[in-house]
């Protein structure tokens, strides 16, 4: 019931965010309509960062308590993080082509984001190759904690190195108009609801999978 209500609320939030992006906020003066992809690009990046933060926290919690729920939260969040980081890596070049006249540049922000994607893709691939549940959970916790190191590197890359990537937030706040700021903040909120909706569904599926594995192990030991 809660998951269904969250789904409807998320649907309304995403519709409202889409309306703000395409109907309410004006086009950016220099880039024009293509700039509107920015709201989905940044919101996806935010969810990627947030998802990997949850993986980091869940990893610490699992190693401290050995409670299975933390492993379920961690892997569910990692799957969502990889999905949204993939969206970032797709929308980025679409936005970059008319702006930078290139689909891809080895800019520090882009490169470190690509590394982040590979880290958590490896997390999922290696995890899927481990069949012993406790070993799988322990590996995932350690890998998720270490992998998170790249998140602050991605965030600070535009401040540490020379980059052509635009700075959205500087020392004085958001570097955009009030309407653009409002639309961005609403998009971030809508995508956050989307994250929690995906997380609740992914956790449900992972929990069912874990219980099924436990039943199979029990039957194997019995017979």
N, C-alpha and C. Protein backbone atom coordinates (compact mmCIF):
# COMPACT_ATOMS: atom_id res chain seq x y z
N UNK A 1 0.83 -1.21 0.00
CA UNK A 1 0.00 0.00 0.00
C UNK A 1 0.87 1.26 0.00
N UNK A 2 1.90 1.26 0.85
CA UNK A 2 2.81 2.41 0.91
C UNK A 2 3.55 2.56 -0.40
N UNK A 3 3.99 1.41 -0.97
CA UNK A 3 4.73 1.44 -2.22
C UNK A 3 3.84 1.98 -3.35
N UNK A 4 2.58 1.61 -3.35
CA UNK A 4 1.65 2.09 -4.38
C UNK A 4 1.42 3.59 -4.25
N UNK A 5 1.24 4.06 -3.02
CA UNK A 5 1.04 5.50 -2.79
C UNK A 5 2.28 6.29 -3.20
N UNK A 6 3.46 5.73 -2.88
CA UNK A 6 4.71 6.39 -3.27
C UNK A 6 4.83 6.45 -4.78
N UNK A 7 4.37 5.39 -5.44
CA UNK A 7 4.41 5.36 -6.91
C UNK A 7 3.55 6.45 -7.53
N UNK A 8 2.35 6.64 -7.02
CA UNK A 8 1.46 7.69 -7.55
C UNK A 8 2.01 9.08 -7.26
N UNK A 9 2.55 9.28 -6.07
CA UNK A 9 3.13 10.57 -5.72
C UNK A 9 4.32 10.88 -6.62
N UNK A 10 5.14 9.87 -6.86
CA UNK A 10 6.29 10.03 -7.74
C UNK A 10 5.85 10.38 -9.15
N UNK A 11 4.81 9.72 -9.63
CA UNK A 11 4.27 9.97 -10.97
C UNK A 11 3.83 11.43 -11.11
N UNK A 12 3.13 11.93 -10.12
CA UNK A 12 2.67 13.33 -10.13
C UNK A 12 3.85 14.29 -10.10
N UNK A 13 4.85 13.99 -9.27
CA UNK A 13 6.04 14.85 -9.16
C UNK A 13 6.80 14.90 -10.49
N UNK A 14 6.96 13.76 -11.14
CA UNK A 14 7.67 13.71 -12.41
C UNK A 14 6.90 14.48 -13.49
N UNK A 15 5.58 14.33 -13.51
CA UNK A 15 4.76 15.09 -14.46
C UNK A 15 4.90 16.59 -14.24
N UNK A 16 4.86 17.00 -12.97
CA UNK A 16 4.99 18.42 -12.64
C UNK A 16 6.36 18.95 -13.04
N UNK A 17 7.40 18.17 -12.78
CA UNK A 17 8.76 18.58 -13.14
C UNK A 17 8.89 18.71 -14.66
N UNK A 18 8.29 17.78 -15.39
CA UNK A 18 8.33 17.83 -16.86
C UNK A 18 7.62 19.08 -17.37
N UNK A 19 6.49 19.42 -16.76
CA UNK A 19 5.77 20.64 -17.14
C UNK A 19 6.64 21.88 -16.90
N UNK A 20 7.28 21.94 -15.75
CA UNK A 20 8.13 23.10 -15.44
C UNK A 20 9.27 23.23 -16.45
N UNK A 21 9.88 22.10 -16.80
CA UNK A 21 11.02 22.11 -17.72
C UNK A 21 10.62 22.58 -19.11
N UNK A 22 9.54 22.03 -19.64
CA UNK A 22 9.20 22.28 -21.05
C UNK A 22 8.18 23.39 -21.28
N UNK A 23 7.46 23.79 -20.24
CA UNK A 23 6.39 24.77 -20.44
C UNK A 23 6.59 26.06 -19.63
N UNK A 24 7.25 25.98 -18.49
CA UNK A 24 7.30 27.13 -17.58
C UNK A 24 8.63 27.88 -17.62
N UNK A 25 9.72 27.17 -17.46
CA UNK A 25 11.02 27.84 -17.41
C UNK A 25 11.42 28.29 -18.82
N UNK A 26 11.97 29.49 -18.97
CA UNK A 26 12.35 29.98 -20.30
C UNK A 26 13.61 29.28 -20.82
N UNK A 27 13.79 29.34 -22.14
CA UNK A 27 15.01 28.80 -22.73
C UNK A 27 16.22 29.62 -22.30
N UNK A 28 17.33 28.95 -22.13
CA UNK A 28 18.58 29.65 -21.83
C UNK A 28 18.99 30.47 -23.05
N UNK A 29 19.45 31.70 -22.85
CA UNK A 29 19.67 32.65 -23.94
C UNK A 29 20.73 32.19 -24.93
N UNK A 30 21.79 31.54 -24.46
CA UNK A 30 22.89 31.15 -25.34
C UNK A 30 22.65 29.77 -25.94
N UNK A 31 22.34 28.78 -25.12
CA UNK A 31 22.21 27.39 -25.58
C UNK A 31 20.85 27.08 -26.18
N UNK A 32 19.83 27.81 -25.80
CA UNK A 32 18.51 27.57 -26.35
C UNK A 32 17.83 26.34 -25.75
N UNK A 33 16.92 25.70 -26.51
CA UNK A 33 16.12 24.59 -25.98
C UNK A 33 16.94 23.40 -25.50
N UNK A 34 18.13 23.16 -26.10
CA UNK A 34 18.93 22.00 -25.71
C UNK A 34 19.33 22.06 -24.24
N UNK A 35 19.35 23.26 -23.68
CA UNK A 35 19.75 23.41 -22.28
C UNK A 35 18.77 22.73 -21.33
N UNK A 36 17.55 22.49 -21.79
CA UNK A 36 16.53 21.89 -20.92
C UNK A 36 16.90 20.48 -20.46
N UNK A 37 17.79 19.82 -21.21
CA UNK A 37 18.25 18.51 -20.77
C UNK A 37 19.04 18.61 -19.47
N UNK A 38 19.53 19.80 -19.18
CA UNK A 38 20.30 20.08 -17.96
C UNK A 38 19.54 19.64 -16.70
N UNK A 39 18.24 19.88 -16.66
CA UNK A 39 17.46 19.57 -15.45
C UNK A 39 17.40 18.07 -15.17
N UNK A 40 17.32 17.28 -16.23
CA UNK A 40 17.31 15.82 -16.07
C UNK A 40 18.73 15.30 -15.84
N UNK A 41 19.70 15.93 -16.48
CA UNK A 41 21.10 15.53 -16.34
C UNK A 41 21.58 15.72 -14.90
N UNK A 42 21.34 16.90 -14.36
CA UNK A 42 21.79 17.21 -12.99
C UNK A 42 21.02 16.38 -11.97
N UNK A 43 19.71 16.23 -12.18
CA UNK A 43 18.90 15.43 -11.25
C UNK A 43 19.36 13.98 -11.24
N UNK A 44 19.71 13.45 -12.41
CA UNK A 44 20.21 12.07 -12.48
C UNK A 44 21.56 11.94 -11.78
N UNK A 45 22.41 12.95 -11.94
CA UNK A 45 23.71 12.94 -11.26
C UNK A 45 23.51 12.97 -9.74
N UNK A 46 22.59 13.78 -9.27
CA UNK A 46 22.29 13.86 -7.84
C UNK A 46 21.85 12.50 -7.31
N UNK A 47 20.97 11.81 -8.04
CA UNK A 47 20.50 10.50 -7.59
C UNK A 47 21.63 9.48 -7.61
N UNK A 48 22.50 9.57 -8.62
CA UNK A 48 23.66 8.68 -8.64
C UNK A 48 24.51 8.86 -7.40
N UNK A 49 24.84 10.11 -7.07
CA UNK A 49 25.63 10.39 -5.86
C UNK A 49 24.91 9.90 -4.60
N UNK A 50 23.63 10.21 -4.51
CA UNK A 50 22.86 9.84 -3.32
C UNK A 50 22.76 8.33 -3.17
N UNK A 51 22.55 7.65 -4.29
CA UNK A 51 22.44 6.19 -4.26
C UNK A 51 23.74 5.55 -3.78
N UNK A 52 24.87 6.07 -4.24
CA UNK A 52 26.15 5.50 -3.82
C UNK A 52 26.48 5.87 -2.37
N UNK A 53 25.95 7.00 -1.90
CA UNK A 53 26.08 7.33 -0.48
C UNK A 53 25.33 6.30 0.36
N UNK A 54 24.14 5.90 -0.08
CA UNK A 54 23.37 4.89 0.63
C UNK A 54 24.11 3.55 0.61
N UNK A 55 24.75 3.22 -0.51
CA UNK A 55 25.56 2.00 -0.58
C UNK A 55 26.68 2.06 0.46
N UNK A 56 27.32 3.20 0.57
CA UNK A 56 28.40 3.42 1.53
C UNK A 56 27.90 3.23 2.96
N UNK A 57 26.78 3.87 3.29
CA UNK A 57 26.21 3.77 4.64
C UNK A 57 25.76 2.34 4.93
N UNK A 58 25.11 1.71 3.96
CA UNK A 58 24.64 0.34 4.14
C UNK A 58 25.80 -0.63 4.32
N UNK A 59 26.91 -0.37 3.62
CA UNK A 59 28.09 -1.21 3.77
C UNK A 59 28.66 -1.15 5.17
N UNK A 60 28.77 0.05 5.71
CA UNK A 60 29.27 0.22 7.08
C UNK A 60 28.31 -0.46 8.06
N UNK A 61 27.02 -0.26 7.85
CA UNK A 61 26.01 -0.85 8.75
C UNK A 61 26.06 -2.37 8.70
N UNK A 62 26.26 -2.94 7.49
CA UNK A 62 26.31 -4.40 7.40
C UNK A 62 27.54 -4.96 8.11
N UNK A 63 28.69 -4.35 7.89
CA UNK A 63 29.91 -4.84 8.53
C UNK A 63 29.84 -4.71 10.04
N UNK A 64 29.06 -3.74 10.52
CA UNK A 64 28.92 -3.53 11.97
C UNK A 64 27.92 -4.48 12.60
N UNK A 65 26.85 -4.81 11.86
CA UNK A 65 25.75 -5.59 12.46
C UNK A 65 25.57 -6.98 11.86
N UNK A 66 26.05 -7.17 10.62
CA UNK A 66 25.84 -8.42 9.86
C UNK A 66 24.36 -8.68 9.61
N UNK A 67 23.55 -7.64 9.66
CA UNK A 67 22.13 -7.80 9.37
C UNK A 67 21.90 -7.79 7.87
N UNK A 68 21.15 -8.77 7.40
CA UNK A 68 20.94 -8.97 5.97
C UNK A 68 20.25 -7.78 5.30
N UNK A 69 19.41 -7.07 6.04
CA UNK A 69 18.66 -5.96 5.43
C UNK A 69 19.58 -4.90 4.86
N UNK A 70 20.74 -4.70 5.49
CA UNK A 70 21.67 -3.68 5.01
C UNK A 70 22.29 -4.08 3.68
N UNK A 71 22.53 -5.36 3.49
CA UNK A 71 23.04 -5.83 2.20
C UNK A 71 21.99 -5.63 1.12
N UNK A 72 20.73 -5.89 1.45
CA UNK A 72 19.64 -5.70 0.49
C UNK A 72 19.51 -4.23 0.10
N UNK A 73 19.60 -3.35 1.09
CA UNK A 73 19.54 -1.91 0.81
C UNK A 73 20.72 -1.50 -0.07
N UNK A 74 21.91 -2.01 0.26
CA UNK A 74 23.11 -1.64 -0.48
C UNK A 74 23.07 -2.03 -1.94
N UNK A 75 22.74 -3.29 -2.22
CA UNK A 75 22.74 -3.74 -3.62
C UNK A 75 21.59 -3.10 -4.39
N UNK A 76 20.46 -2.89 -3.74
CA UNK A 76 19.33 -2.23 -4.41
C UNK A 76 19.70 -0.80 -4.81
N UNK A 77 20.36 -0.09 -3.90
CA UNK A 77 20.77 1.28 -4.18
C UNK A 77 21.86 1.34 -5.23
N UNK A 78 22.75 0.35 -5.23
CA UNK A 78 23.82 0.30 -6.23
C UNK A 78 23.24 0.14 -7.63
N UNK A 79 22.23 -0.71 -7.77
CA UNK A 79 21.59 -0.90 -9.08
C UNK A 79 20.97 0.41 -9.58
N UNK A 80 20.32 1.12 -8.68
CA UNK A 80 19.70 2.40 -9.05
C UNK A 80 20.78 3.43 -9.40
N UNK A 81 21.85 3.45 -8.62
CA UNK A 81 22.95 4.38 -8.87
C UNK A 81 23.57 4.17 -10.24
N UNK A 82 23.79 2.91 -10.61
CA UNK A 82 24.35 2.61 -11.93
C UNK A 82 23.39 3.06 -13.03
N UNK A 83 22.10 2.82 -12.84
CA UNK A 83 21.11 3.21 -13.84
C UNK A 83 21.11 4.72 -14.06
N UNK A 84 21.11 5.50 -12.97
CA UNK A 84 21.07 6.95 -13.12
C UNK A 84 22.40 7.52 -13.60
N UNK A 85 23.50 6.89 -13.24
CA UNK A 85 24.79 7.34 -13.76
C UNK A 85 24.88 7.06 -15.25
N UNK A 86 24.27 5.97 -15.69
CA UNK A 86 24.18 5.70 -17.13
C UNK A 86 23.42 6.81 -17.84
N UNK A 87 22.33 7.26 -17.23
CA UNK A 87 21.56 8.38 -17.80
C UNK A 87 22.42 9.64 -17.88
N UNK A 88 23.22 9.88 -16.85
CA UNK A 88 24.13 11.03 -16.84
C UNK A 88 25.10 10.95 -18.02
N UNK A 89 25.66 9.76 -18.24
CA UNK A 89 26.65 9.58 -19.30
C UNK A 89 26.02 9.62 -20.69
N UNK A 90 24.71 9.44 -20.78
CA UNK A 90 24.01 9.56 -22.07
C UNK A 90 23.57 11.00 -22.32
N UNK A 91 22.97 11.62 -21.31
CA UNK A 91 22.47 12.99 -21.49
C UNK A 91 23.61 14.00 -21.59
N UNK A 92 24.73 13.71 -20.93
CA UNK A 92 25.87 14.62 -20.98
C UNK A 92 26.35 14.88 -22.40
N UNK A 93 26.69 13.84 -23.17
CA UNK A 93 27.12 14.05 -24.56
C UNK A 93 26.05 14.69 -25.45
N UNK A 94 24.76 14.36 -25.20
CA UNK A 94 23.69 14.97 -25.99
C UNK A 94 23.68 16.49 -25.78
N UNK A 95 23.91 16.89 -24.55
CA UNK A 95 23.97 18.31 -24.21
C UNK A 95 25.27 18.93 -24.70
N UNK A 96 26.36 18.15 -24.63
CA UNK A 96 27.68 18.68 -24.96
C UNK A 96 27.86 18.93 -26.47
N UNK A 97 27.23 18.10 -27.30
CA UNK A 97 27.47 18.19 -28.74
C UNK A 97 27.18 19.58 -29.30
N UNK A 98 26.02 20.17 -29.08
CA UNK A 98 25.78 21.51 -29.62
C UNK A 98 26.47 22.61 -28.82
N UNK A 99 26.87 22.30 -27.59
CA UNK A 99 27.48 23.32 -26.73
C UNK A 99 28.99 23.38 -26.90
N UNK A 100 29.64 22.20 -26.89
CA UNK A 100 31.10 22.13 -27.00
C UNK A 100 31.56 21.71 -28.39
N UNK A 101 30.60 21.37 -29.27
CA UNK A 101 30.91 20.87 -30.61
C UNK A 101 31.66 19.54 -30.55
N UNK A 102 31.38 18.75 -29.54
CA UNK A 102 32.00 17.43 -29.39
C UNK A 102 31.09 16.56 -28.52
N UNK A 103 31.00 15.28 -28.89
CA UNK A 103 30.17 14.37 -28.09
C UNK A 103 30.82 14.07 -26.74
N UNK A 104 32.14 14.01 -26.73
CA UNK A 104 32.85 13.63 -25.51
C UNK A 104 34.20 14.32 -25.46
N UNK A 105 34.57 14.80 -24.30
CA UNK A 105 35.92 15.28 -24.05
C UNK A 105 36.39 14.64 -22.75
N UNK A 106 37.68 14.42 -22.64
CA UNK A 106 38.20 13.80 -21.42
C UNK A 106 38.37 14.86 -20.33
N UNK A 107 37.28 15.58 -20.12
CA UNK A 107 37.20 16.57 -19.05
C UNK A 107 37.24 15.86 -17.70
N UNK A 108 37.86 16.45 -16.68
CA UNK A 108 37.94 15.79 -15.36
C UNK A 108 36.59 15.34 -14.81
N UNK A 109 35.55 16.17 -14.94
CA UNK A 109 34.23 15.78 -14.42
C UNK A 109 33.68 14.57 -15.17
N UNK A 110 33.80 14.58 -16.49
CA UNK A 110 33.29 13.47 -17.30
C UNK A 110 34.09 12.20 -17.03
N UNK A 111 35.41 12.34 -16.97
CA UNK A 111 36.26 11.16 -16.77
C UNK A 111 36.03 10.51 -15.42
N UNK A 112 35.98 11.31 -14.37
CA UNK A 112 35.76 10.74 -13.03
C UNK A 112 34.36 10.14 -12.89
N UNK A 113 33.38 10.71 -13.60
CA UNK A 113 32.04 10.13 -13.60
C UNK A 113 32.03 8.77 -14.30
N UNK A 114 32.75 8.68 -15.41
CA UNK A 114 32.87 7.41 -16.12
C UNK A 114 33.54 6.36 -15.23
N UNK A 115 34.58 6.76 -14.51
CA UNK A 115 35.25 5.85 -13.57
C UNK A 115 34.27 5.38 -12.50
N UNK A 116 33.45 6.31 -11.99
CA UNK A 116 32.45 5.96 -10.97
C UNK A 116 31.48 4.92 -11.51
N UNK A 117 31.05 5.09 -12.75
CA UNK A 117 30.14 4.14 -13.38
C UNK A 117 30.78 2.75 -13.48
N UNK A 118 32.05 2.71 -13.89
CA UNK A 118 32.75 1.43 -14.00
C UNK A 118 32.92 0.77 -12.62
N UNK A 119 33.17 1.56 -11.59
CA UNK A 119 33.36 1.00 -10.24
C UNK A 119 32.12 0.25 -9.79
N UNK A 120 30.96 0.89 -9.92
CA UNK A 120 29.75 0.25 -9.40
C UNK A 120 29.16 -0.77 -10.37
N UNK A 121 29.51 -0.67 -11.65
CA UNK A 121 29.16 -1.74 -12.58
C UNK A 121 29.96 -2.99 -12.22
N UNK A 122 31.24 -2.80 -11.89
CA UNK A 122 32.07 -3.92 -11.43
C UNK A 122 31.52 -4.51 -10.14
N UNK A 123 31.05 -3.64 -9.25
CA UNK A 123 30.42 -4.08 -7.99
C UNK A 123 29.30 -5.07 -8.29
N UNK A 124 28.42 -4.72 -9.23
CA UNK A 124 27.28 -5.58 -9.55
C UNK A 124 27.70 -6.85 -10.27
N UNK A 125 28.66 -6.74 -11.19
CA UNK A 125 29.09 -7.90 -11.96
C UNK A 125 29.82 -8.91 -11.09
N UNK A 126 30.74 -8.42 -10.24
CA UNK A 126 31.47 -9.34 -9.37
C UNK A 126 30.54 -9.95 -8.34
N UNK A 127 29.63 -9.15 -7.81
CA UNK A 127 28.66 -9.67 -6.83
C UNK A 127 27.85 -10.82 -7.43
N UNK A 128 27.45 -10.67 -8.69
CA UNK A 128 26.63 -11.70 -9.33
C UNK A 128 27.40 -13.01 -9.53
N UNK A 129 28.73 -12.95 -9.48
CA UNK A 129 29.55 -14.15 -9.68
C UNK A 129 29.82 -14.89 -8.37
N UNK A 130 29.45 -14.29 -7.23
CA UNK A 130 29.67 -14.92 -5.92
C UNK A 130 28.36 -15.58 -5.49
N UNK A 131 28.42 -16.86 -5.18
CA UNK A 131 27.19 -17.61 -4.88
C UNK A 131 26.93 -17.75 -3.38
N UNK A 132 27.96 -17.69 -2.57
CA UNK A 132 27.77 -17.83 -1.12
C UNK A 132 27.28 -16.50 -0.56
N UNK A 133 26.11 -16.49 0.05
CA UNK A 133 25.41 -15.26 0.40
C UNK A 133 26.19 -14.38 1.38
N UNK A 134 26.78 -14.96 2.41
CA UNK A 134 27.50 -14.16 3.41
C UNK A 134 28.75 -13.54 2.80
N UNK A 135 29.44 -14.32 1.99
CA UNK A 135 30.64 -13.81 1.31
C UNK A 135 30.27 -12.70 0.34
N UNK A 136 29.16 -12.89 -0.37
CA UNK A 136 28.68 -11.88 -1.32
C UNK A 136 28.36 -10.57 -0.61
N UNK A 137 27.68 -10.67 0.53
CA UNK A 137 27.30 -9.47 1.28
C UNK A 137 28.53 -8.75 1.84
N UNK A 138 29.49 -9.53 2.34
CA UNK A 138 30.70 -8.93 2.91
C UNK A 138 31.52 -8.23 1.83
N UNK A 139 31.69 -8.89 0.69
CA UNK A 139 32.41 -8.28 -0.42
C UNK A 139 31.73 -6.99 -0.87
N UNK A 140 30.41 -7.05 -1.02
CA UNK A 140 29.66 -5.88 -1.49
C UNK A 140 29.81 -4.70 -0.54
N UNK A 141 29.78 -4.98 0.76
CA UNK A 141 29.93 -3.91 1.75
C UNK A 141 31.29 -3.23 1.62
N UNK A 142 32.34 -4.04 1.54
CA UNK A 142 33.71 -3.49 1.45
C UNK A 142 33.90 -2.73 0.14
N UNK A 143 33.46 -3.33 -0.96
CA UNK A 143 33.61 -2.71 -2.28
C UNK A 143 32.82 -1.41 -2.35
N UNK A 144 31.61 -1.41 -1.79
CA UNK A 144 30.78 -0.21 -1.81
C UNK A 144 31.37 0.94 -1.02
N UNK A 145 32.03 0.60 0.09
CA UNK A 145 32.67 1.63 0.92
C UNK A 145 33.86 2.24 0.19
N UNK A 146 34.71 1.38 -0.37
CA UNK A 146 35.91 1.85 -1.07
C UNK A 146 35.52 2.63 -2.34
N UNK A 147 34.54 2.11 -3.07
CA UNK A 147 34.12 2.76 -4.32
C UNK A 147 33.60 4.16 -4.13
N UNK A 148 33.04 4.43 -2.96
CA UNK A 148 32.45 5.75 -2.70
C UNK A 148 33.50 6.86 -2.71
N UNK A 149 34.76 6.51 -2.57
CA UNK A 149 35.83 7.51 -2.57
C UNK A 149 35.77 8.38 -3.83
N UNK A 150 35.32 7.79 -4.94
CA UNK A 150 35.29 8.54 -6.20
C UNK A 150 34.19 9.59 -6.24
N UNK A 151 33.16 9.47 -5.40
CA UNK A 151 32.05 10.43 -5.43
C UNK A 151 32.52 11.85 -5.11
N UNK A 152 33.22 12.09 -3.98
CA UNK A 152 33.71 13.45 -3.73
C UNK A 152 34.73 13.91 -4.77
N UNK A 153 35.46 12.96 -5.37
CA UNK A 153 36.40 13.33 -6.43
C UNK A 153 35.64 13.89 -7.64
N UNK A 154 34.53 13.23 -8.00
CA UNK A 154 33.69 13.73 -9.09
C UNK A 154 33.17 15.13 -8.76
N UNK A 155 32.68 15.30 -7.54
CA UNK A 155 32.08 16.58 -7.13
C UNK A 155 33.10 17.72 -7.16
N UNK A 156 34.29 17.48 -6.64
CA UNK A 156 35.29 18.55 -6.53
C UNK A 156 36.18 18.66 -7.78
N UNK A 157 36.00 17.79 -8.76
CA UNK A 157 36.87 17.79 -9.93
C UNK A 157 36.87 19.13 -10.67
N UNK A 158 35.70 19.80 -10.71
CA UNK A 158 35.64 21.08 -11.43
C UNK A 158 36.30 22.21 -10.64
N UNK A 159 36.64 21.94 -9.39
CA UNK A 159 37.34 22.94 -8.56
C UNK A 159 38.83 22.62 -8.43
N UNK A 160 39.17 21.36 -8.57
CA UNK A 160 40.57 20.95 -8.43
C UNK A 160 41.36 21.06 -9.72
N UNK A 161 40.70 20.84 -10.87
CA UNK A 161 41.40 20.81 -12.15
C UNK A 161 40.77 21.76 -13.15
N UNK A 162 41.54 22.08 -14.19
CA UNK A 162 41.03 22.91 -15.27
C UNK A 162 39.93 22.14 -16.01
N UNK A 163 38.78 22.76 -16.21
CA UNK A 163 37.65 22.05 -16.79
C UNK A 163 36.77 23.00 -17.59
N UNK A 164 36.08 22.44 -18.58
CA UNK A 164 35.11 23.23 -19.35
C UNK A 164 33.69 22.93 -18.88
N UNK A 165 33.56 22.06 -17.91
CA UNK A 165 32.24 21.71 -17.39
C UNK A 165 31.67 22.90 -16.62
N UNK A 166 30.40 23.25 -16.86
CA UNK A 166 29.82 24.41 -16.16
C UNK A 166 29.68 24.18 -14.67
N UNK A 167 29.82 25.24 -13.89
CA UNK A 167 29.64 25.19 -12.44
C UNK A 167 28.22 25.63 -12.13
N UNK A 168 27.43 24.73 -11.57
CA UNK A 168 26.03 25.04 -11.26
C UNK A 168 25.92 25.80 -9.95
N UNK A 169 26.72 25.38 -8.96
CA UNK A 169 26.69 26.01 -7.64
C UNK A 169 28.07 26.55 -7.32
N UNK A 170 28.15 27.85 -7.06
CA UNK A 170 29.42 28.45 -6.64
C UNK A 170 29.27 29.01 -5.23
N UNK A 171 30.25 29.79 -4.81
CA UNK A 171 30.26 30.31 -3.44
C UNK A 171 29.09 31.25 -3.16
N UNK A 172 28.52 31.84 -4.21
CA UNK A 172 27.41 32.79 -4.03
C UNK A 172 26.04 32.13 -4.21
N UNK A 173 26.02 30.82 -4.49
CA UNK A 173 24.76 30.11 -4.66
C UNK A 173 24.61 29.57 -6.07
N UNK A 174 23.37 29.42 -6.53
CA UNK A 174 23.11 28.88 -7.86
C UNK A 174 23.41 29.93 -8.93
N UNK A 175 24.20 29.54 -9.93
CA UNK A 175 24.60 30.45 -11.00
C UNK A 175 23.57 30.40 -12.13
N UNK A 176 22.31 30.78 -11.82
CA UNK A 176 21.24 30.76 -12.81
C UNK A 176 20.09 31.63 -12.31
N UNK A 177 19.11 31.84 -13.17
CA UNK A 177 17.96 32.67 -12.81
C UNK A 177 17.09 31.97 -11.76
N UNK A 178 16.20 32.74 -11.15
CA UNK A 178 15.34 32.18 -10.10
C UNK A 178 14.41 31.11 -10.64
N UNK A 179 13.88 31.30 -11.86
CA UNK A 179 13.00 30.29 -12.45
C UNK A 179 13.76 29.00 -12.74
N UNK A 180 14.98 29.13 -13.22
CA UNK A 180 15.80 27.95 -13.48
C UNK A 180 16.13 27.23 -12.18
N UNK A 181 16.43 28.01 -11.14
CA UNK A 181 16.74 27.42 -9.84
C UNK A 181 15.53 26.66 -9.29
N UNK A 182 14.35 27.28 -9.39
CA UNK A 182 13.12 26.63 -8.91
C UNK A 182 12.86 25.33 -9.66
N UNK A 183 13.02 25.37 -10.98
CA UNK A 183 12.80 24.17 -11.80
C UNK A 183 13.80 23.08 -11.46
N UNK A 184 15.06 23.47 -11.27
CA UNK A 184 16.08 22.49 -10.91
C UNK A 184 15.77 21.85 -9.56
N UNK A 185 15.43 22.66 -8.57
CA UNK A 185 15.15 22.13 -7.24
C UNK A 185 13.94 21.19 -7.26
N UNK A 186 12.93 21.54 -8.04
CA UNK A 186 11.75 20.67 -8.14
C UNK A 186 12.12 19.37 -8.84
N UNK A 187 12.98 19.45 -9.86
CA UNK A 187 13.43 18.25 -10.56
C UNK A 187 14.23 17.34 -9.62
N UNK A 188 15.07 17.95 -8.79
CA UNK A 188 15.83 17.17 -7.81
C UNK A 188 14.90 16.46 -6.84
N UNK A 189 13.85 17.17 -6.39
CA UNK A 189 12.88 16.57 -5.47
C UNK A 189 12.12 15.43 -6.15
N UNK A 190 11.70 15.64 -7.40
CA UNK A 190 10.95 14.61 -8.13
C UNK A 190 11.80 13.36 -8.33
N UNK A 191 13.05 13.54 -8.70
CA UNK A 191 13.93 12.40 -8.91
C UNK A 191 14.25 11.70 -7.60
N UNK A 192 14.27 12.44 -6.50
CA UNK A 192 14.49 11.82 -5.19
C UNK A 192 13.33 10.90 -4.84
N UNK A 193 12.11 11.35 -5.10
CA UNK A 193 10.94 10.48 -4.92
C UNK A 193 11.05 9.25 -5.81
N UNK A 194 11.51 9.46 -7.05
CA UNK A 194 11.67 8.35 -7.98
C UNK A 194 12.69 7.35 -7.44
N UNK A 195 13.76 7.86 -6.85
CA UNK A 195 14.78 6.98 -6.25
C UNK A 195 14.17 6.10 -5.18
N UNK A 196 13.42 6.69 -4.26
CA UNK A 196 12.85 5.91 -3.16
C UNK A 196 11.80 4.92 -3.66
N UNK A 197 11.09 5.28 -4.72
CA UNK A 197 10.13 4.34 -5.31
C UNK A 197 10.86 3.14 -5.91
N UNK A 198 11.91 3.42 -6.67
CA UNK A 198 12.71 2.33 -7.24
C UNK A 198 13.35 1.49 -6.13
N UNK A 199 13.84 2.16 -5.08
CA UNK A 199 14.50 1.45 -3.99
C UNK A 199 13.53 0.49 -3.31
N UNK A 200 12.32 0.94 -3.04
CA UNK A 200 11.35 0.08 -2.36
C UNK A 200 11.02 -1.15 -3.20
N UNK A 201 10.90 -0.97 -4.51
CA UNK A 201 10.61 -2.10 -5.39
C UNK A 201 11.80 -3.03 -5.54
N UNK A 202 12.98 -2.45 -5.67
CA UNK A 202 14.19 -3.26 -5.81
C UNK A 202 14.48 -4.06 -4.54
N UNK A 203 14.25 -3.45 -3.38
CA UNK A 203 14.43 -4.16 -2.12
C UNK A 203 13.45 -5.31 -1.98
N UNK A 204 12.22 -5.10 -2.43
CA UNK A 204 11.21 -6.17 -2.38
C UNK A 204 11.65 -7.36 -3.22
N UNK A 205 12.13 -7.08 -4.44
CA UNK A 205 12.58 -8.14 -5.34
C UNK A 205 13.79 -8.86 -4.76
N UNK A 206 14.76 -8.10 -4.24
CA UNK A 206 15.97 -8.69 -3.68
C UNK A 206 15.65 -9.53 -2.44
N UNK A 207 14.72 -9.06 -1.64
CA UNK A 207 14.31 -9.83 -0.45
C UNK A 207 13.68 -11.15 -0.86
N UNK A 208 12.83 -11.13 -1.89
CA UNK A 208 12.22 -12.37 -2.38
C UNK A 208 13.27 -13.32 -2.94
N UNK A 209 14.26 -12.76 -3.64
CA UNK A 209 15.33 -13.59 -4.19
C UNK A 209 16.12 -14.25 -3.07
N UNK A 210 16.44 -13.48 -2.02
CA UNK A 210 17.19 -14.01 -0.89
C UNK A 210 16.42 -15.13 -0.19
N UNK A 211 15.13 -14.91 0.00
CA UNK A 211 14.31 -15.93 0.65
C UNK A 211 14.23 -17.19 -0.21
N UNK A 212 14.16 -17.03 -1.53
CA UNK A 212 14.12 -18.17 -2.43
C UNK A 212 15.42 -18.96 -2.36
N UNK A 213 16.55 -18.25 -2.31
CA UNK A 213 17.84 -18.92 -2.17
C UNK A 213 17.90 -19.70 -0.86
N UNK A 214 17.38 -19.10 0.21
CA UNK A 214 17.35 -19.78 1.51
C UNK A 214 16.52 -21.05 1.48
N UNK A 215 15.37 -20.99 0.79
CA UNK A 215 14.51 -22.18 0.67
C UNK A 215 15.21 -23.28 -0.12
N UNK A 216 15.88 -22.90 -1.21
CA UNK A 216 16.61 -23.88 -2.01
C UNK A 216 17.72 -24.54 -1.20
N UNK A 217 18.45 -23.74 -0.42
CA UNK A 217 19.52 -24.28 0.42
C UNK A 217 18.95 -25.23 1.46
N UNK A 218 17.82 -24.88 2.04
CA UNK A 218 17.18 -25.72 3.05
C UNK A 218 16.75 -27.06 2.45
N UNK A 219 16.17 -27.01 1.26
CA UNK A 219 15.74 -28.25 0.60
C UNK A 219 16.92 -29.10 0.19
N UNK A 220 18.00 -28.46 -0.26
CA UNK A 220 19.19 -29.20 -0.65
C UNK A 220 19.80 -29.92 0.54
N UNK A 221 19.85 -29.24 1.69
CA UNK A 221 20.41 -29.85 2.89
C UNK A 221 19.52 -30.97 3.42
N UNK A 222 18.23 -30.84 3.20
CA UNK A 222 17.29 -31.84 3.72
C UNK A 222 17.33 -33.12 2.89
N UNK A 223 17.50 -32.97 1.59
CA UNK A 223 17.45 -34.14 0.72
C UNK A 223 18.82 -34.49 0.14
